[in-house]
Amino acid sequence: TSHLLLHEQEAYSKLCGMEVLSLGKTGFGQPPLGLDQLQNCLENHNPGNIAAILLELPHRELGGKITPWEEILGMQQLAND
């Protein structure tokens, strides 16, 4: 549901040479991205190949929902590890 994915015509790829690995569910009424989804992604992919984690807040396409602060801090810790 990221604005970058839906409305920016893959500018991140053209500008930074990055490929996206999209997480979470799409569509209005879905819950925001959770820490467990990021943990599962890192367990199933080589973390050495992940250069950045982008979390768009609020999740506009989900009706303005926000990932809970405690989960954002957990995501930060995963990124730092």
N, C-alpha and C. Protein backbone atom coordinates (compact mmCIF):
# COMPACT_ATOMS: atom_id res chain seq x y z
N THR A 1 0.82 -1.20 0.00
CA THR A 1 0.00 0.00 0.00
C THR A 1 0.86 1.26 0.00
N SER A 2 2.13 1.12 -0.18
CA SER A 2 3.04 2.26 -0.13
C SER A 2 2.82 3.22 -1.30
N HIS A 3 2.85 4.48 -0.98
CA HIS A 3 2.75 5.51 -2.02
C HIS A 3 3.85 5.34 -3.06
N LEU A 4 5.05 5.00 -2.61
CA LEU A 4 6.16 4.80 -3.55
C LEU A 4 5.89 3.68 -4.54
N LEU A 5 5.22 2.63 -4.07
CA LEU A 5 4.92 1.51 -4.95
C LEU A 5 3.73 1.79 -5.86
N LEU A 6 2.75 2.50 -5.35
CA LEU A 6 1.51 2.70 -6.10
C LEU A 6 1.53 3.91 -7.04
N HIS A 7 2.27 4.95 -6.66
CA HIS A 7 2.11 6.21 -7.39
C HIS A 7 3.40 6.84 -7.92
N GLU A 8 4.54 6.25 -7.67
CA GLU A 8 5.81 6.88 -8.07
C GLU A 8 6.51 6.17 -9.23
N GLN A 9 5.83 5.27 -9.91
CA GLN A 9 6.35 4.59 -11.10
C GLN A 9 7.75 4.01 -10.90
N GLU A 10 7.96 3.38 -9.75
CA GLU A 10 9.22 2.70 -9.43
C GLU A 10 10.43 3.63 -9.48
N ALA A 11 10.25 4.87 -9.04
CA ALA A 11 11.34 5.84 -9.04
C ALA A 11 12.51 5.36 -8.17
N TYR A 12 12.22 4.66 -7.07
CA TYR A 12 13.28 4.14 -6.20
C TYR A 12 14.23 3.26 -6.99
N SER A 13 13.69 2.48 -7.92
CA SER A 13 14.51 1.58 -8.72
C SER A 13 15.36 2.36 -9.72
N LYS A 14 14.77 3.33 -10.35
CA LYS A 14 15.49 4.12 -11.35
C LYS A 14 16.55 5.00 -10.72
N LEU A 15 16.26 5.57 -9.55
CA LEU A 15 17.20 6.48 -8.90
C LEU A 15 18.28 5.76 -8.09
N CYS A 16 17.92 4.68 -7.44
CA CYS A 16 18.85 4.02 -6.50
C CYS A 16 19.27 2.63 -6.95
N GLY A 17 18.67 2.11 -8.01
CA GLY A 17 19.00 0.77 -8.47
C GLY A 17 18.51 -0.32 -7.52
N MET A 18 17.47 -0.03 -6.75
CA MET A 18 16.96 -0.99 -5.78
C MET A 18 15.80 -1.80 -6.36
N GLU A 19 15.71 -3.03 -5.89
CA GLU A 19 14.55 -3.86 -6.17
C GLU A 19 13.71 -3.91 -4.91
N VAL A 20 12.40 -3.97 -5.07
CA VAL A 20 11.52 -3.96 -3.90
C VAL A 20 11.10 -5.37 -3.52
N LEU A 21 11.01 -5.58 -2.25
CA LEU A 21 10.44 -6.80 -1.68
C LEU A 21 9.28 -6.31 -0.82
N SER A 22 8.09 -6.36 -1.37
CA SER A 22 6.92 -5.78 -0.72
C SER A 22 6.36 -6.72 0.33
N LEU A 23 6.04 -6.16 1.50
CA LEU A 23 5.47 -6.93 2.61
C LEU A 23 4.10 -6.39 2.95
N GLY A 24 3.31 -7.19 3.62
CA GLY A 24 2.01 -6.76 4.08
C GLY A 24 0.92 -7.02 3.07
N LYS A 25 -0.30 -6.80 3.51
CA LYS A 25 -1.46 -7.01 2.67
C LYS A 25 -1.90 -5.68 2.07
N THR A 26 -2.56 -5.76 0.93
CA THR A 26 -3.02 -4.55 0.28
C THR A 26 -4.54 -4.44 0.39
N GLY A 27 -5.01 -3.22 0.32
CA GLY A 27 -6.44 -2.97 0.30
C GLY A 27 -6.95 -2.31 1.57
N PHE A 28 -7.93 -1.47 1.38
CA PHE A 28 -8.53 -0.74 2.49
C PHE A 28 -9.07 -1.71 3.52
N GLY A 29 -8.85 -1.43 4.79
CA GLY A 29 -9.35 -2.28 5.86
C GLY A 29 -8.35 -3.30 6.36
N GLN A 30 -7.20 -3.43 5.69
CA GLN A 30 -6.17 -4.37 6.13
C GLN A 30 -5.39 -3.77 7.30
N PRO A 31 -4.79 -4.61 8.12
CA PRO A 31 -3.97 -4.08 9.22
C PRO A 31 -2.66 -3.53 8.68
N PRO A 32 -2.03 -2.60 9.41
CA PRO A 32 -0.73 -2.09 8.98
C PRO A 32 0.35 -3.16 9.12
N LEU A 33 1.47 -2.93 8.47
CA LEU A 33 2.59 -3.86 8.53
C LEU A 33 3.02 -4.07 9.96
N GLY A 34 3.25 -5.33 10.33
CA GLY A 34 3.63 -5.66 11.69
C GLY A 34 5.05 -6.20 11.77
N LEU A 35 5.59 -6.17 12.96
CA LEU A 35 6.93 -6.66 13.22
C LEU A 35 7.08 -8.12 12.79
N ASP A 36 6.05 -8.93 13.03
CA ASP A 36 6.13 -10.35 12.67
C ASP A 36 6.31 -10.54 11.17
N GLN A 37 5.70 -9.69 10.36
CA GLN A 37 5.86 -9.81 8.90
C GLN A 37 7.30 -9.51 8.49
N LEU A 38 7.92 -8.52 9.10
CA LEU A 38 9.31 -8.20 8.80
C LEU A 38 10.23 -9.32 9.27
N GLN A 39 9.98 -9.86 10.46
CA GLN A 39 10.78 -10.97 10.97
C GLN A 39 10.71 -12.17 10.03
N ASN A 40 9.50 -12.51 9.57
CA ASN A 40 9.33 -13.63 8.63
C ASN A 40 10.09 -13.38 7.34
N CYS A 41 10.07 -12.16 6.85
CA CYS A 41 10.78 -11.83 5.62
C CYS A 41 12.28 -12.05 5.80
N LEU A 42 12.82 -11.56 6.91
CA LEU A 42 14.25 -11.69 7.15
C LEU A 42 14.67 -13.14 7.35
N GLU A 43 13.77 -13.95 7.89
CA GLU A 43 14.07 -15.38 8.07
C GLU A 43 14.06 -16.12 6.74
N ASN A 44 13.29 -15.64 5.78
CA ASN A 44 13.13 -16.34 4.50
C ASN A 44 13.96 -15.75 3.37
N HIS A 45 14.70 -14.69 3.62
CA HIS A 45 15.56 -14.07 2.61
C HIS A 45 16.92 -13.80 3.23
N ASN A 46 17.92 -13.69 2.41
CA ASN A 46 19.26 -13.39 2.89
C ASN A 46 19.32 -11.94 3.36
N PRO A 47 19.44 -11.70 4.68
CA PRO A 47 19.46 -10.32 5.18
C PRO A 47 20.60 -9.50 4.60
N GLY A 48 21.67 -10.17 4.14
CA GLY A 48 22.78 -9.45 3.53
C GLY A 48 22.41 -8.79 2.22
N ASN A 49 21.30 -9.22 1.62
CA ASN A 49 20.84 -8.64 0.36
C ASN A 49 19.86 -7.48 0.58
N ILE A 50 19.51 -7.20 1.82
CA ILE A 50 18.55 -6.13 2.10
C ILE A 50 19.32 -4.88 2.50
N ALA A 51 19.14 -3.82 1.71
CA ALA A 51 19.90 -2.58 1.92
C ALA A 51 19.10 -1.54 2.69
N ALA A 52 17.79 -1.61 2.65
CA ALA A 52 16.97 -0.58 3.30
C ALA A 52 15.61 -1.16 3.65
N ILE A 53 15.03 -0.60 4.70
CA ILE A 53 13.66 -0.92 5.08
C ILE A 53 12.89 0.38 5.08
N LEU A 54 11.83 0.44 4.31
CA LEU A 54 11.00 1.64 4.24
C LEU A 54 9.64 1.33 4.85
N LEU A 55 9.26 2.10 5.82
CA LEU A 55 7.96 1.96 6.45
C LEU A 55 7.25 3.30 6.29
N GLU A 56 6.22 3.32 5.50
CA GLU A 56 5.48 4.56 5.25
C GLU A 56 4.42 4.75 6.32
N LEU A 57 4.47 5.90 6.97
CA LEU A 57 3.50 6.22 8.02
C LEU A 57 2.89 7.58 7.77
N PRO A 58 1.61 7.75 7.90
CA PRO A 58 0.65 6.67 8.11
C PRO A 58 0.43 5.89 6.82
N HIS A 59 -0.19 4.76 6.95
CA HIS A 59 -0.53 3.93 5.78
C HIS A 59 -1.79 4.54 5.15
N ARG A 60 -1.58 5.45 4.25
CA ARG A 60 -2.71 6.20 3.67
C ARG A 60 -3.71 5.30 2.96
N GLU A 61 -3.20 4.34 2.22
CA GLU A 61 -4.10 3.47 1.46
C GLU A 61 -4.87 2.51 2.35
N LEU A 62 -4.49 2.42 3.62
CA LEU A 62 -5.21 1.58 4.59
C LEU A 62 -6.12 2.41 5.47
N GLY A 63 -6.35 3.64 5.08
CA GLY A 63 -7.24 4.51 5.85
C GLY A 63 -6.53 5.29 6.94
N GLY A 64 -5.23 5.50 6.80
CA GLY A 64 -4.48 6.28 7.77
C GLY A 64 -4.02 5.51 8.99
N LYS A 65 -4.03 4.19 8.93
CA LYS A 65 -3.59 3.38 10.07
C LYS A 65 -2.09 3.55 10.29
N ILE A 66 -1.66 3.29 11.51
CA ILE A 66 -0.25 3.42 11.86
C ILE A 66 0.23 2.15 12.56
N THR A 67 1.41 1.70 12.18
CA THR A 67 2.05 0.58 12.88
C THR A 67 2.33 1.03 14.31
N PRO A 68 2.00 0.22 15.31
CA PRO A 68 2.25 0.61 16.70
C PRO A 68 3.72 0.95 16.95
N TRP A 69 3.96 1.96 17.79
CA TRP A 69 5.31 2.45 18.06
C TRP A 69 6.24 1.35 18.55
N GLU A 70 5.75 0.47 19.41
CA GLU A 70 6.58 -0.61 19.93
C GLU A 70 7.06 -1.52 18.80
N GLU A 71 6.21 -1.74 17.80
CA GLU A 71 6.60 -2.57 16.67
C GLU A 71 7.61 -1.84 15.78
N ILE A 72 7.46 -0.54 15.65
CA ILE A 72 8.43 0.25 14.87
C ILE A 72 9.80 0.16 15.54
N LEU A 73 9.84 0.27 16.86
CA LEU A 73 11.11 0.13 17.58
C LEU A 73 11.71 -1.26 17.39
N GLY A 74 10.86 -2.28 17.36
CA GLY A 74 11.32 -3.64 17.11
C GLY A 74 11.89 -3.78 15.70
N MET A 75 11.27 -3.12 14.73
CA MET A 75 11.78 -3.13 13.36
C MET A 75 13.14 -2.44 13.28
N GLN A 76 13.28 -1.35 14.01
CA GLN A 76 14.55 -0.66 14.06
C GLN A 76 15.64 -1.56 14.64
N GLN A 77 15.30 -2.29 15.69
CA GLN A 77 16.28 -3.20 16.30
C GLN A 77 16.67 -4.29 15.32
N LEU A 78 15.71 -4.84 14.58
CA LEU A 78 16.04 -5.85 13.56
C LEU A 78 16.98 -5.29 12.51
N ALA A 79 16.73 -4.07 12.08
CA ALA A 79 17.57 -3.44 11.07
C ALA A 79 18.98 -3.22 11.61
N ASN A 80 19.08 -2.83 12.86
CA ASN A 80 20.39 -2.60 13.46
C ASN A 80 21.18 -3.87 13.66
N ASP A 81 20.45 -4.96 13.92
CA ASP A 81 21.13 -6.26 14.12
C ASP A 81 21.65 -6.78 12.80
